[in-house]
């Protein structure tokens, strides 16, 4: 998805296109990776309250403290290390986790049957 050095603790994340079985034709979805407390985490870029992207500007997922992921539309606050919603309209829900790993100076995403790379018809 990106070079390891692109992700700074509590800083900007990296977005990338994903596809899911529930996507409608022409619909675009994104996943994202962030770094928090030295670890890399990946999530589907979709608030659990209403399906809208979280970032308030492209790649900006953290609140001003750098401690929580925040939904710019609804104000839901999520723990970066678990995706658990701790405040806002969807308290108790969790972001959809994407399997990611850091190896050899790179961040990798491992698609599965639920969330995979988009096909050309889905708008890469």
Protein backbone atom coordinates (compact mmCIF):
# COMPACT_ATOMS: atom_id res chain seq x y z
CA UNK A 1 0.00 0.00 0.00
CA UNK A 2 2.84 2.36 0.84
CA UNK A 3 6.35 2.65 2.18
CA UNK A 4 6.67 2.31 5.97
CA UNK A 5 8.14 5.80 6.22
CA UNK A 6 4.91 7.27 4.81
CA UNK A 7 3.08 6.51 8.06
CA UNK A 8 3.92 8.58 11.14
CA UNK A 9 2.44 7.80 14.57
CA UNK A 10 -0.87 9.66 14.88
CA UNK A 11 -0.32 11.30 11.49
CA UNK A 12 -1.87 11.07 8.06
CA UNK A 13 -3.02 7.71 6.77
CA UNK A 14 -2.83 6.22 3.31
CA UNK A 15 -6.05 5.46 1.42
CA UNK A 16 -6.50 2.80 -1.27
CA UNK A 17 -9.42 1.49 -3.35
CA UNK A 18 -11.25 -1.65 -2.23
CA UNK A 19 -14.27 -3.61 -3.38
CA UNK A 20 -16.84 -5.56 -1.40
CA UNK A 21 -19.63 -7.96 -2.40
CA UNK A 22 -22.23 -5.40 -1.31
CA UNK A 23 -20.93 -2.65 -3.65
CA UNK A 24 -23.29 -1.35 -6.28
CA UNK A 25 -22.01 -0.74 -9.84
CA UNK A 26 -20.08 2.50 -9.99
CA UNK A 27 -19.77 2.73 -6.20
CA UNK A 28 -16.28 3.40 -4.89
CA UNK A 29 -14.97 2.40 -1.48
CA UNK A 30 -11.63 2.91 0.19
CA UNK A 31 -9.58 1.29 2.86
CA UNK A 32 -6.87 3.00 4.83
CA UNK A 33 -3.77 2.29 6.88
CA UNK A 34 -2.49 4.34 9.81
CA UNK A 35 0.29 4.04 12.36
CA UNK A 36 -0.42 4.27 16.09
CA UNK A 37 1.93 3.50 18.97
CA UNK A 38 4.45 2.09 16.49
CA UNK A 39 2.02 -0.42 14.93
CA UNK A 40 0.25 -0.35 11.57
CA UNK A 41 -3.54 -0.82 11.41
CA UNK A 42 -5.92 -1.06 8.44
CA UNK A 43 -9.66 -0.42 8.23
CA UNK A 44 -12.46 -0.01 5.74
CA UNK A 45 -13.00 3.74 5.38
CA UNK A 46 -16.62 3.68 6.49
CA UNK A 47 -18.23 5.01 9.67
CA UNK A 48 -20.32 2.43 11.50
CA UNK A 49 -23.13 4.93 12.13
CA UNK A 50 -23.97 5.81 8.52
CA UNK A 51 -21.87 4.56 5.57
CA UNK A 52 -19.72 7.60 4.91
CA UNK A 53 -15.94 7.98 4.77
CA UNK A 54 -14.22 8.94 8.00
CA UNK A 55 -11.44 11.28 6.93
CA UNK A 56 -12.06 15.02 7.23
CA UNK A 57 -9.49 15.69 4.53
CA UNK A 58 -8.07 12.95 2.36
CA UNK A 59 -5.89 10.76 4.58
CA UNK A 60 -6.64 12.71 7.77
CA UNK A 61 -8.26 10.25 10.19
CA UNK A 62 -6.94 11.26 13.61
CA UNK A 63 -8.50 13.86 15.89
CA UNK A 64 -6.44 16.88 17.01
CA UNK A 65 -4.89 14.87 19.88
CA UNK A 66 -3.67 12.09 17.58
CA UNK A 67 -5.24 9.53 19.95
CA UNK A 68 -8.51 8.67 18.18
CA UNK A 69 -9.77 8.11 14.66
CA UNK A 70 -12.68 10.47 14.13
CA UNK A 71 -15.60 10.51 11.71
CA UNK A 72 -15.68 13.98 10.24
CA UNK A 73 -19.41 13.72 9.51
CA UNK A 74 -20.79 12.22 12.74
CA UNK A 75 -18.06 12.80 15.33
CA UNK A 76 -17.76 9.12 16.23
CA UNK A 77 -14.40 8.42 17.89
CA UNK A 78 -12.65 5.09 17.34
CA UNK A 79 -9.64 3.55 19.07
CA UNK A 80 -6.88 3.29 16.44
CA UNK A 81 -5.59 -0.05 17.73
CA UNK A 82 -8.97 -1.85 17.74
CA UNK A 83 -11.42 0.18 15.65
CA UNK A 84 -13.79 0.14 18.65
CA UNK A 85 -16.11 3.18 18.78
CA UNK A 86 -15.76 4.84 22.20
CA UNK A 87 -17.84 7.98 21.61
CA UNK A 88 -20.55 9.18 19.27
CA UNK A 89 -23.67 7.77 17.69
CA UNK A 90 -22.32 4.25 17.10
CA UNK A 91 -20.68 3.68 20.50
CA UNK A 92 -19.78 0.02 20.91
CA UNK A 93 -19.55 -0.72 17.18
CA UNK A 94 -16.24 -1.48 15.44
CA UNK A 95 -14.66 -0.43 12.18
CA UNK A 96 -14.16 -3.23 9.67
CA UNK A 97 -10.59 -4.48 10.05
CA UNK A 98 -8.35 -5.00 7.02
CA UNK A 99 -5.45 -7.40 7.36
CA UNK A 100 -2.21 -5.46 6.94
CA UNK A 101 1.43 -6.13 7.71
CA UNK A 102 4.69 -4.24 7.69
CA UNK A 103 7.70 -5.99 6.22
CA UNK A 104 10.92 -4.88 4.57
CA UNK A 105 10.08 -1.19 4.76
CA UNK A 106 6.67 -1.60 3.11
CA UNK A 107 3.04 -1.82 4.25
CA UNK A 108 1.01 -4.63 2.66
CA UNK A 109 -2.74 -5.31 2.57
CA UNK A 110 -4.03 -8.89 2.32
CA UNK A 111 -7.45 -8.94 0.58
CA UNK A 112 -9.99 -11.61 1.47
CA UNK A 113 -13.39 -12.80 0.19
CA UNK A 114 -15.22 -9.91 1.92
CA UNK A 115 -12.95 -7.03 0.95
CA UNK A 116 -10.77 -7.34 -2.12
CA UNK A 117 -9.05 -5.30 -4.82
CA UNK A 118 -11.51 -3.68 -7.23
CA UNK A 119 -11.91 -4.99 -10.75
CA UNK A 120 -11.70 -2.54 -13.68
CA UNK A 121 -15.53 -2.55 -13.83
CA UNK A 122 -15.63 -1.39 -10.20
CA UNK A 123 -13.38 1.56 -10.92
CA UNK A 124 -9.87 0.84 -9.74
